[in-house]
């Protein structure tokens, strides 16, 4: 499952994603983390045009398989985006 996140100045989505990445493995030593510390449950909600939730998924035991923080340039004033690929253990469709 690939998600595209917008990264506003505050609160920083980059900082939150990078903290999760660091739980997977130590960058200095390469030592892998424990699944109990890096797996997360995520709730995805699909909204209708008025903002009401029309579909809700619970993704159990998600971990990151790939993260791309994109390219930054002072020449552009576009929003920064983060692309994250998740792999869940299983998914539950609530409604």
PDB file of N, CA and C in Angstrom:
ATOM      1  N   UNK A   1       0.851  -1.160   0.000  1.00  0.00           N
ATOM      2  CA  UNK A   1       0.000   0.000   0.000  1.00  0.00           C
ATOM      3  C   UNK A   1       0.900   1.226   0.000  1.00  0.00           C
ATOM      4  N   UNK A   2       0.728   2.095  -0.983  1.00  0.00           N
ATOM      5  CA  UNK A   2       1.539   3.307  -1.062  1.00  0.00           C
ATOM      6  C   UNK A   2       0.694   4.519  -0.695  1.00  0.00           C
ATOM      7  N   UNK A   3       1.190   5.311   0.237  1.00  0.00           N
ATOM      8  CA  UNK A   3       0.515   6.530   0.682  1.00  0.00           C
ATOM      9  C   UNK A   3       1.342   7.736   0.270  1.00  0.00           C
ATOM     10  N   UNK A   4       0.660   8.810  -0.092  1.00  0.00           N
ATOM     11  CA  UNK A   4       1.344  10.067  -0.387  1.00  0.00           C
ATOM     12  C   UNK A   4       0.893  11.070   0.670  1.00  0.00           C
ATOM     13  N   UNK A   5       1.848  11.592   1.420  1.00  0.00           N
ATOM     14  CA  UNK A   5       1.564  12.520   2.518  1.00  0.00           C
ATOM     15  C   UNK A   5       2.039  13.914   2.151  1.00  0.00           C
ATOM     16  N   UNK A   6       1.282  14.911   2.518  1.00  0.00           N
ATOM     17  CA  UNK A   6       1.737  16.300   2.393  1.00  0.00           C
ATOM     18  C   UNK A   6       2.542  16.636   3.633  1.00  0.00           C
ATOM     19  N   UNK A   7       3.584  17.403   3.434  1.00  0.00           N
ATOM     20  CA  UNK A   7       4.468  17.748   4.548  1.00  0.00           C
ATOM     21  C   UNK A   7       4.425  19.248   4.823  1.00  0.00           C
ATOM     22  N   UNK A   8       3.509  19.683   5.703  1.00  0.00           N
ATOM     23  CA  UNK A   8       3.467  21.105   6.042  1.00  0.00           C
ATOM     24  C   UNK A   8       4.649  21.474   6.944  1.00  0.00           C
ATOM     25  N   UNK A   9       4.835  22.759   7.126  1.00  0.00           N
ATOM     26  CA  UNK A   9       5.923  23.229   7.983  1.00  0.00           C
ATOM     27  C   UNK A   9       5.703  22.784   9.426  1.00  0.00           C
ATOM     28  N   UNK A  10       4.509  22.905   9.905  1.00  0.00           N
ATOM     29  CA  UNK A  10       4.214  22.469  11.269  1.00  0.00           C
ATOM     30  C   UNK A  10       2.800  21.955  11.365  1.00  0.00           C
ATOM     31  N   UNK A  11       2.560  20.836  11.906  1.00  0.00           N
ATOM     32  CA  UNK A  11       3.521  19.867  12.423  1.00  0.00           C
ATOM     33  C   UNK A  11       4.223  19.150  11.282  1.00  0.00           C
ATOM     34  N   UNK A  12       5.438  18.723  11.518  1.00  0.00           N
ATOM     35  CA  UNK A  12       6.274  18.150  10.471  1.00  0.00           C
ATOM     36  C   UNK A  12       5.950  16.673  10.245  1.00  0.00           C
ATOM     37  N   UNK A  13       5.455  16.358   9.054  1.00  0.00           N
ATOM     38  CA  UNK A  13       5.214  14.961   8.695  1.00  0.00           C
ATOM     39  C   UNK A  13       6.543  14.238   8.495  1.00  0.00           C
ATOM     40  N   UNK A  14       7.546  14.941   7.975  1.00  0.00           N
ATOM     41  CA  UNK A  14       8.874  14.329   7.768  1.00  0.00           C
ATOM     42  C   UNK A  14       9.448  13.827   9.076  1.00  0.00           C
ATOM     43  N   UNK A  15       9.321  14.615  10.121  1.00  0.00           N
ATOM     44  CA  UNK A  15       9.871  14.232  11.413  1.00  0.00           C
ATOM     45  C   UNK A  15       9.162  12.993  11.952  1.00  0.00           C
ATOM     46  N   UNK A  16       7.837  12.944  11.841  1.00  0.00           N
ATOM     47  CA  UNK A  16       7.076  11.789  12.329  1.00  0.00           C
ATOM     48  C   UNK A  16       7.429  10.523  11.558  1.00  0.00           C
ATOM     49  N   UNK A  17       7.515  10.628  10.227  1.00  0.00           N
ATOM     50  CA  UNK A  17       7.852   9.463   9.406  1.00  0.00           C
ATOM     51  C   UNK A  17       9.277   9.011   9.701  1.00  0.00           C
ATOM     52  N   UNK A  18      10.214   9.951   9.827  1.00  0.00           N
ATOM     53  CA  UNK A  18      11.610   9.585  10.083  1.00  0.00           C
ATOM     54  C   UNK A  18      11.775   8.915  11.444  1.00  0.00           C
ATOM     55  N   UNK A  19      11.021   9.337  12.442  1.00  0.00           N
ATOM     56  CA  UNK A  19      11.069   8.675  13.747  1.00  0.00           C
ATOM     57  C   UNK A  19      10.606   7.224  13.625  1.00  0.00           C
ATOM     58  N   UNK A  20       9.581   6.986  12.787  1.00  0.00           N
ATOM     59  CA  UNK A  20       9.096   5.621  12.562  1.00  0.00           C
ATOM     60  C   UNK A  20      10.138   4.799  11.805  1.00  0.00           C
ATOM     61  N   UNK A  21      10.794   5.419  10.809  1.00  0.00           N
ATOM     62  CA  UNK A  21      11.852   4.732  10.053  1.00  0.00           C
ATOM     63  C   UNK A  21      12.971   4.295  10.995  1.00  0.00           C
ATOM     64  N   UNK A  22      13.359   5.142  11.919  1.00  0.00           N
ATOM     65  CA  UNK A  22      14.469   4.833  12.836  1.00  0.00           C
ATOM     66  C   UNK A  22      14.139   3.681  13.781  1.00  0.00           C
ATOM     67  N   UNK A  23      12.858   3.393  13.991  1.00  0.00           N
ATOM     68  CA  UNK A  23      12.488   2.249  14.825  1.00  0.00           C
ATOM     69  C   UNK A  23      12.719   0.925  14.098  1.00  0.00           C
ATOM     70  N   UNK A  24      12.757   0.964  12.757  1.00  0.00           N
ATOM     71  CA  UNK A  24      12.947  -0.253  11.968  1.00  0.00           C
ATOM     72  C   UNK A  24      14.394  -0.768  12.047  1.00  0.00           C
ATOM     73  N   UNK A  25      15.350   0.143  11.993  1.00  0.00           N
ATOM     74  CA  UNK A  25      16.766  -0.244  12.026  1.00  0.00           C
ATOM     75  C   UNK A  25      17.607   0.950  12.455  1.00  0.00           C
ATOM     76  N   UNK A  26      18.690   0.670  13.156  1.00  0.00           N
ATOM     77  CA  UNK A  26      19.618   1.728  13.546  1.00  0.00           C
ATOM     78  C   UNK A  26      20.487   2.085  12.340  1.00  0.00           C
ATOM     79  N   UNK A  27      20.507   3.359  11.974  1.00  0.00           N
ATOM     80  CA  UNK A  27      21.264   3.766  10.788  1.00  0.00           C
ATOM     81  C   UNK A  27      22.773   3.642  10.993  1.00  0.00           C
ATOM     82  N   UNK A  28      23.262   3.822  12.215  1.00  0.00           N
ATOM     83  CA  UNK A  28      24.708   3.764  12.457  1.00  0.00           C
ATOM     84  C   UNK A  28      25.235   2.331  12.426  1.00  0.00           C
ATOM     85  N   UNK A  29      24.491   1.398  13.020  1.00  0.00           N
ATOM     86  CA  UNK A  29      24.989   0.022  13.137  1.00  0.00           C
ATOM     87  C   UNK A  29      24.314  -0.943  12.164  1.00  0.00           C
ATOM     88  N   UNK A  30      23.135  -0.572  11.656  1.00  0.00           N
ATOM     89  CA  UNK A  30      22.401  -1.478  10.776  1.00  0.00           C
ATOM     90  C   UNK A  30      21.627  -2.542  11.529  1.00  0.00           C
ATOM     91  N   UNK A  31      21.662  -2.502  12.846  1.00  0.00           N
ATOM     92  CA  UNK A  31      20.951  -3.493  13.659  1.00  0.00           C
ATOM     93  C   UNK A  31      19.446  -3.291  13.523  1.00  0.00           C
ATOM     94  N   UNK A  32      18.742  -4.374  13.240  1.00  0.00           N
ATOM     95  CA  UNK A  32      17.295  -4.304  13.039  1.00  0.00           C
ATOM     96  C   UNK A  32      16.569  -4.151  14.370  1.00  0.00           C
ATOM     97  N   UNK A  33      15.439  -3.432  14.314  1.00  0.00           N
ATOM     98  CA  UNK A  33      14.617  -3.248  15.496  1.00  0.00           C
ATOM     99  C   UNK A  33      13.681  -4.430  15.705  1.00  0.00           C
ATOM    100  N   UNK A  34      12.948  -4.397  16.789  1.00  0.00           N
ATOM    101  CA  UNK A  34      11.986  -5.450  17.103  1.00  0.00           C
ATOM    102  C   UNK A  34      10.624  -5.065  16.552  1.00  0.00           C
ATOM    103  N   UNK A  35       9.913  -6.046  15.985  1.00  0.00           N
ATOM    104  CA  UNK A  35       8.604  -5.787  15.375  1.00  0.00           C
ATOM    105  C   UNK A  35       7.627  -5.159  16.361  1.00  0.00           C
ATOM    106  N   UNK A  36       7.717  -5.523  17.622  1.00  0.00           N
ATOM    107  CA  UNK A  36       6.798  -4.970  18.610  1.00  0.00           C
ATOM    108  C   UNK A  36       6.962  -3.455  18.741  1.00  0.00           C
ATOM    109  N   UNK A  37       8.138  -2.919  18.387  1.00  0.00           N
ATOM    110  CA  UNK A  37       8.351  -1.476  18.511  1.00  0.00           C
ATOM    111  C   UNK A  37       8.064  -0.715  17.221  1.00  0.00           C
ATOM    112  N   UNK A  38       8.198  -1.361  16.047  1.00  0.00           N
ATOM    113  CA  UNK A  38       8.005  -0.602  14.811  1.00  0.00           C
ATOM    114  C   UNK A  38       6.701  -0.880  14.091  1.00  0.00           C
ATOM    115  N   UNK A  39       5.987  -1.943  14.415  1.00  0.00           N
ATOM    116  CA  UNK A  39       4.697  -2.194  13.753  1.00  0.00           C
ATOM    117  C   UNK A  39       3.622  -1.306  14.364  1.00  0.00           C
ATOM    118  N   UNK A  40       2.782  -0.748  13.509  1.00  0.00           N
ATOM    119  CA  UNK A  40       1.730   0.182  13.938  1.00  0.00           C
ATOM    120  C   UNK A  40       0.390  -0.222  13.343  1.00  0.00           C
ATOM    121  N   UNK A  41      -0.678   0.078  14.063  1.00  0.00           N
ATOM    122  CA  UNK A  41      -2.028  -0.054  13.522  1.00  0.00           C
ATOM    123  C   UNK A  41      -2.428   1.301  12.959  1.00  0.00           C
ATOM    124  N   UNK A  42      -2.969   1.309  11.739  1.00  0.00           N
ATOM    125  CA  UNK A  42      -3.312   2.550  11.051  1.00  0.00           C
ATOM    126  C   UNK A  42      -4.778   2.511  10.659  1.00  0.00           C
ATOM    127  N   UNK A  43      -5.467   3.627  10.810  1.00  0.00           N
ATOM    128  CA  UNK A  43      -6.868   3.754  10.406  1.00  0.00           C
ATOM    129  C   UNK A  43      -6.931   4.647   9.171  1.00  0.00           C
ATOM    130  N   UNK A  44      -7.513   4.122   8.086  1.00  0.00           N
ATOM    131  CA  UNK A  44      -7.731   4.900   6.867  1.00  0.00           C
ATOM    132  C   UNK A  44      -9.218   5.159   6.716  1.00  0.00           C
ATOM    133  N   UNK A  45      -9.568   6.413   6.465  1.00  0.00           N
ATOM    134  CA  UNK A  45     -10.968   6.786   6.288  1.00  0.00           C
ATOM    135  C   UNK A  45     -11.155   7.447   4.934  1.00  0.00           C
ATOM    136  N   UNK A  46     -12.176   7.001   4.189  1.00  0.00           N
ATOM    137  CA  UNK A  46     -12.533   7.630   2.919  1.00  0.00           C
ATOM    138  C   UNK A  46     -13.656   8.616   3.209  1.00  0.00           C
ATOM    139  N   UNK A  47     -13.482   9.851   2.738  1.00  0.00           N
ATOM    140  CA  UNK A  47     -14.450  10.903   3.021  1.00  0.00           C
ATOM    141  C   UNK A  47     -15.263  11.237   1.776  1.00  0.00           C
ATOM    142  N   UNK A  48     -16.512  11.621   1.996  1.00  0.00           N
ATOM    143  CA  UNK A  48     -17.323  12.115   0.876  1.00  0.00           C
ATOM    144  C   UNK A  48     -17.046  13.616   0.713  1.00  0.00           C
ATOM    145  N   UNK A  49     -17.633  14.287  -0.277  1.00  0.00           N
ATOM    146  CA  UNK A  49     -17.345  15.712  -0.507  1.00  0.00           C
ATOM    147  C   UNK A  49     -17.667  16.624   0.680  1.00  0.00           C
ATOM    148  N   UNK A  50     -18.556  16.193   1.581  1.00  0.00           N
ATOM    149  CA  UNK A  50     -18.892  17.025   2.737  1.00  0.00           C
ATOM    150  C   UNK A  50     -17.987  16.759   3.934  1.00  0.00           C
ATOM    151  N   UNK A  51     -17.097  15.749   3.822  1.00  0.00           N
ATOM    152  CA  UNK A  51     -16.187  15.431   4.916  1.00  0.00           C
ATOM    153  C   UNK A  51     -16.667  14.310   5.820  1.00  0.00           C
ATOM    154  N   UNK A  52     -17.801  13.691   5.498  1.00  0.00           N
ATOM    155  CA  UNK A  52     -18.315  12.576   6.302  1.00  0.00           C
ATOM    156  C   UNK A  52     -17.582  11.288   5.915  1.00  0.00           C
ATOM    157  N   UNK A  53     -17.294  10.469   6.892  1.00  0.00           N
ATOM    158  CA  UNK A  53     -16.601   9.203   6.647  1.00  0.00           C
ATOM    159  C   UNK A  53     -17.572   8.214   6.006  1.00  0.00           C
ATOM    160  N   UNK A  54     -17.206   7.695   4.822  1.00  0.00           N
ATOM    161  CA  UNK A  54     -18.060   6.735   4.122  1.00  0.00           C
ATOM    162  C   UNK A  54     -17.443   5.346   4.081  1.00  0.00           C
ATOM    163  N   UNK A  55     -16.162   5.243   4.354  1.00  0.00           N
ATOM    164  CA  UNK A  55     -15.505   3.938   4.398  1.00  0.00           C
ATOM    165  C   UNK A  55     -14.349   4.022   5.381  1.00  0.00           C
ATOM    166  N   UNK A  56     -14.208   2.966   6.204  1.00  0.00           N
ATOM    167  CA  UNK A  56     -13.155   2.957   7.223  1.00  0.00           C
ATOM    168  C   UNK A  56     -12.443   1.606   7.210  1.00  0.00           C
ATOM    169  N   UNK A  57     -11.110   1.649   7.137  1.00  0.00           N
ATOM    170  CA  UNK A  57     -10.271   0.472   7.169  1.00  0.00           C
ATOM    171  C   UNK A  57      -9.339   0.555   8.374  1.00  0.00           C
ATOM    172  N   UNK A  58      -9.089  -0.570   9.008  1.00  0.00           N
ATOM    173  CA  UNK A  58      -8.066  -0.665  10.047  1.00  0.00           C
ATOM    174  C   UNK A  58      -6.979  -1.591   9.499  1.00  0.00           C
ATOM    175  N   UNK A  59      -5.770  -1.059   9.380  1.00  0.00           N
ATOM    176  CA  UNK A  59      -4.626  -1.826   8.892  1.00  0.00           C
ATOM    177  C   UNK A  59      -3.799  -2.244  10.103  1.00  0.00           C
ATOM    178  N   UNK A  60      -3.726  -3.524  10.356  1.00  0.00           N
ATOM    179  CA  UNK A  60      -3.071  -4.043  11.559  1.00  0.00           C
ATOM    180  C   UNK A  60      -1.618  -4.423  11.268  1.00  0.00           C
ATOM    181  N   UNK A  61      -0.741  -4.071  12.187  1.00  0.00           N
ATOM    182  CA  UNK A  61       0.661  -4.459  12.112  1.00  0.00           C
ATOM    183  C   UNK A  61       1.414  -3.912  10.914  1.00  0.00           C
ATOM    184  N   UNK A  62       1.202  -2.648  10.577  1.00  0.00           N
ATOM    185  CA  UNK A  62       1.872  -2.047   9.413  1.00  0.00           C
ATOM    186  C   UNK A  62       3.329  -1.727   9.723  1.00  0.00           C
ATOM    187  N   UNK A  63       4.176  -1.949   8.721  1.00  0.00           N
ATOM    188  CA  UNK A  63       5.559  -1.500   8.804  1.00  0.00           C
ATOM    189  C   UNK A  63       5.963  -0.918   7.455  1.00  0.00           C
ATOM    190  N   UNK A  64       6.976  -0.062   7.477  1.00  0.00           N
ATOM    191  CA  UNK A  64       7.428   0.630   6.270  1.00  0.00           C
ATOM    192  C   UNK A  64       8.344  -0.264   5.452  1.00  0.00           C
ATOM    193  N   UNK A  65       8.109  -0.315   4.136  1.00  0.00           N
ATOM    194  CA  UNK A  65       9.015  -1.033   3.247  1.00  0.00           C
ATOM    195  C   UNK A  65       9.808  -0.074   2.377  1.00  0.00           C
ATOM    196  N   UNK A  66       9.297   1.156   2.191  1.00  0.00           N
ATOM    197  CA  UNK A  66       9.999   2.155   1.385  1.00  0.00           C
ATOM    198  C   UNK A  66       9.478   3.536   1.752  1.00  0.00           C
ATOM    199  N   UNK A  67      10.370   4.495   1.839  1.00  0.00           N
ATOM    200  CA  UNK A  67       9.993   5.890   2.096  1.00  0.00           C
ATOM    201  C   UNK A  67      10.786   6.781   1.153  1.00  0.00           C
ATOM    202  N   UNK A  68      10.087   7.722   0.492  1.00  0.00           N
ATOM    203  CA  UNK A  68      10.728   8.677  -0.418  1.00  0.00           C
ATOM    204  C   UNK A  68      10.302  10.076   0.015  1.00  0.00           C
ATOM    205  N   UNK A  69      11.261  10.871   0.470  1.00  0.00           N
ATOM    206  CA  UNK A  69      10.961  12.217   0.941  1.00  0.00           C
ATOM    207  C   UNK A  69      10.905  13.234  -0.195  1.00  0.00           C
ATOM    208  N   UNK A  70      11.106  12.788  -1.431  1.00  0.00           N
ATOM    209  CA  UNK A  70      10.979  13.671  -2.584  1.00  0.00           C
ATOM    210  C   UNK A  70      12.149  14.625  -2.725  1.00  0.00           C
ATOM    211  N   UNK A  71      12.027  15.518  -3.704  1.00  0.00           N
ATOM    212  CA  UNK A  71      13.058  16.514  -3.982  1.00  0.00           C
ATOM    213  C   UNK A  71      12.599  17.876  -3.478  1.00  0.00           C
ATOM    214  N   UNK A  72      13.517  18.591  -2.883  1.00  0.00           N
ATOM    215  CA  UNK A  72      13.229  19.948  -2.415  1.00  0.00           C
ATOM    216  C   UNK A  72      14.015  20.939  -3.261  1.00  0.00           C
ATOM    217  N   UNK A  73      13.364  22.069  -3.566  1.00  0.00           N
ATOM    218  CA  UNK A  73      14.024  23.083  -4.383  1.00  0.00           C
ATOM    219  C   UNK A  73      13.548  24.458  -3.942  1.00  0.00           C
ATOM    220  N   UNK A  74      14.497  25.372  -3.797  1.00  0.00           N
ATOM    221  CA  UNK A  74      14.137  26.750  -3.468  1.00  0.00           C
ATOM    222  C   UNK A  74      13.470  27.449  -4.642  1.00  0.00           C
ATOM    223  N   UNK A  75      13.646  26.918  -5.840  1.00  0.00           N
ATOM    224  CA  UNK A  75      13.072  27.528  -7.043  1.00  0.00           C
ATOM    225  C   UNK A  75      11.566  27.272  -7.166  1.00  0.00           C
ATOM    226  N   UNK A  76      11.046  26.317  -6.427  1.00  0.00           N
ATOM    227  CA  UNK A  76       9.622  25.989  -6.503  1.00  0.00           C
ATOM    228  C   UNK A  76       8.956  26.266  -5.168  1.00  0.00           C
ATOM    229  N   UNK A  77       7.678  26.624  -5.232  1.00  0.00           N
ATOM    230  CA  UNK A  77       6.935  26.883  -4.000  1.00  0.00           C
ATOM    231  C   UNK A  77       5.830  25.848  -3.788  1.00  0.00           C
ATOM    232  N   UNK A  78       6.011  24.653  -4.349  1.00  0.00           N
ATOM    233  CA  UNK A  78       5.029  23.592  -4.195  1.00  0.00           C
ATOM    234  C   UNK A  78       5.142  22.953  -2.812  1.00  0.00           C
ATOM    235  N   UNK A  79       4.064  22.280  -2.406  1.00  0.00           N
ATOM    236  CA  UNK A  79       4.089  21.546  -1.157  1.00  0.00           C
ATOM    237  C   UNK A  79       5.053  20.375  -1.256  1.00  0.00           C
ATOM    238  N   UNK A  80       5.752  20.126  -0.186  1.00  0.00           N
ATOM    239  CA  UNK A  80       6.628  18.967  -0.115  1.00  0.00           C
ATOM    240  C   UNK A  80       5.770  17.733   0.161  1.00  0.00           C
ATOM    241  N   UNK A  81       6.101  16.620  -0.474  1.00  0.00           N
ATOM    242  CA  UNK A  81       5.342  15.394  -0.265  1.00  0.00           C
ATOM    243  C   UNK A  81       6.272  14.251   0.134  1.00  0.00           C
ATOM    244  N   UNK A  82       5.697  13.288   0.823  1.00  0.00           N
ATOM    245  CA  UNK A  82       6.402  12.084   1.231  1.00  0.00           C
ATOM    246  C   UNK A  82       5.619  10.906   0.682  1.00  0.00           C
ATOM    247  N   UNK A  83       6.313   9.985   0.057  1.00  0.00           N
ATOM    248  CA  UNK A  83       5.680   8.766  -0.430  1.00  0.00           C
ATOM    249  C   UNK A  83       6.162   7.623   0.460  1.00  0.00           C
ATOM    250  N   UNK A  84       5.219   6.915   1.085  1.00  0.00           N
ATOM    251  CA  UNK A  84       5.557   5.824   1.998  1.00  0.00           C
ATOM    252  C   UNK A  84       4.820   4.558   1.571  1.00  0.00           C
ATOM    253  N   UNK A  85       5.555   3.463   1.494  1.00  0.00           N
ATOM    254  CA  UNK A  85       4.952   2.174   1.168  1.00  0.00           C
ATOM    255  C   UNK A  85       4.861   1.358   2.448  1.00  0.00           C
ATOM    256  N   UNK A  86       3.654   0.910   2.749  1.00  0.00           N
ATOM    257  CA  UNK A  86       3.383   0.147   3.968  1.00  0.00           C
ATOM    258  C   UNK A  86       3.034  -1.286   3.618  1.00  0.00           C
ATOM    259  N   UNK A  87       3.359  -2.198   4.513  1.00  0.00           N
ATOM    260  CA  UNK A  87       2.923  -3.578   4.381  1.00  0.00           C
ATOM    261  C   UNK A  87       2.221  -3.963   5.680  1.00  0.00           C
ATOM    262  N   UNK A  88       0.898  -4.166   5.622  1.00  0.00           N
ATOM    263  CA  UNK A  88       0.165  -4.578   6.819  1.00  0.00           C
ATOM    264  C   UNK A  88       0.176  -6.102   6.974  1.00  0.00           C
ATOM    265  N   UNK A  89      -0.019  -6.566   8.207  1.00  0.00           N
ATOM    266  CA  UNK A  89      -0.202  -7.996   8.444  1.00  0.00           C
ATOM    267  C   UNK A  89      -1.554  -8.436   7.899  1.00  0.00           C
ATOM    268  N   UNK A  90      -2.597  -7.630   8.204  1.00  0.00           N
ATOM    269  CA  UNK A  90      -3.930  -7.876   7.676  1.00  0.00           C
ATOM    270  C   UNK A  90      -4.758  -6.605   7.788  1.00  0.00           C
ATOM    271  N   UNK A  91      -5.886  -6.574   7.068  1.00  0.00           N
ATOM    272  CA  UNK A  91      -6.752  -5.386   7.018  1.00  0.00           C
ATOM    273  C   UNK A  91      -8.158  -5.756   7.423  1.00  0.00           C
ATOM    274  N   UNK A  92      -8.834  -4.813   8.077  1.00  0.00           N
ATOM    275  CA  UNK A  92     -10.227  -5.001   8.499  1.00  0.00           C
ATOM    276  C   UNK A  92     -11.041  -3.871   7.897  1.00  0.00           C
ATOM    277  N   UNK A  93     -12.089  -4.233   7.124  1.00  0.00           N
ATOM    278  CA  UNK A  93     -13.025  -3.231   6.601  1.00  0.00           C
ATOM    279  C   UNK A  93     -14.139  -3.066   7.625  1.00  0.00           C
ATOM    280  N   UNK A  94     -14.220  -1.885   8.247  1.00  0.00           N
ATOM    281  CA  UNK A  94     -15.232  -1.637   9.283  1.00  0.00           C
ATOM    282  C   UNK A  94     -16.592  -1.338   8.645  1.00  0.00           C
ATOM    283  N   UNK A  95     -16.626  -0.455   7.671  1.00  0.00           N
ATOM    284  CA  UNK A  95     -17.841  -0.108   6.921  1.00  0.00           C
ATOM    285  C   UNK A  95     -17.479   0.634   5.673  1.00  0.00           C
TER     286      UNK A  95
END
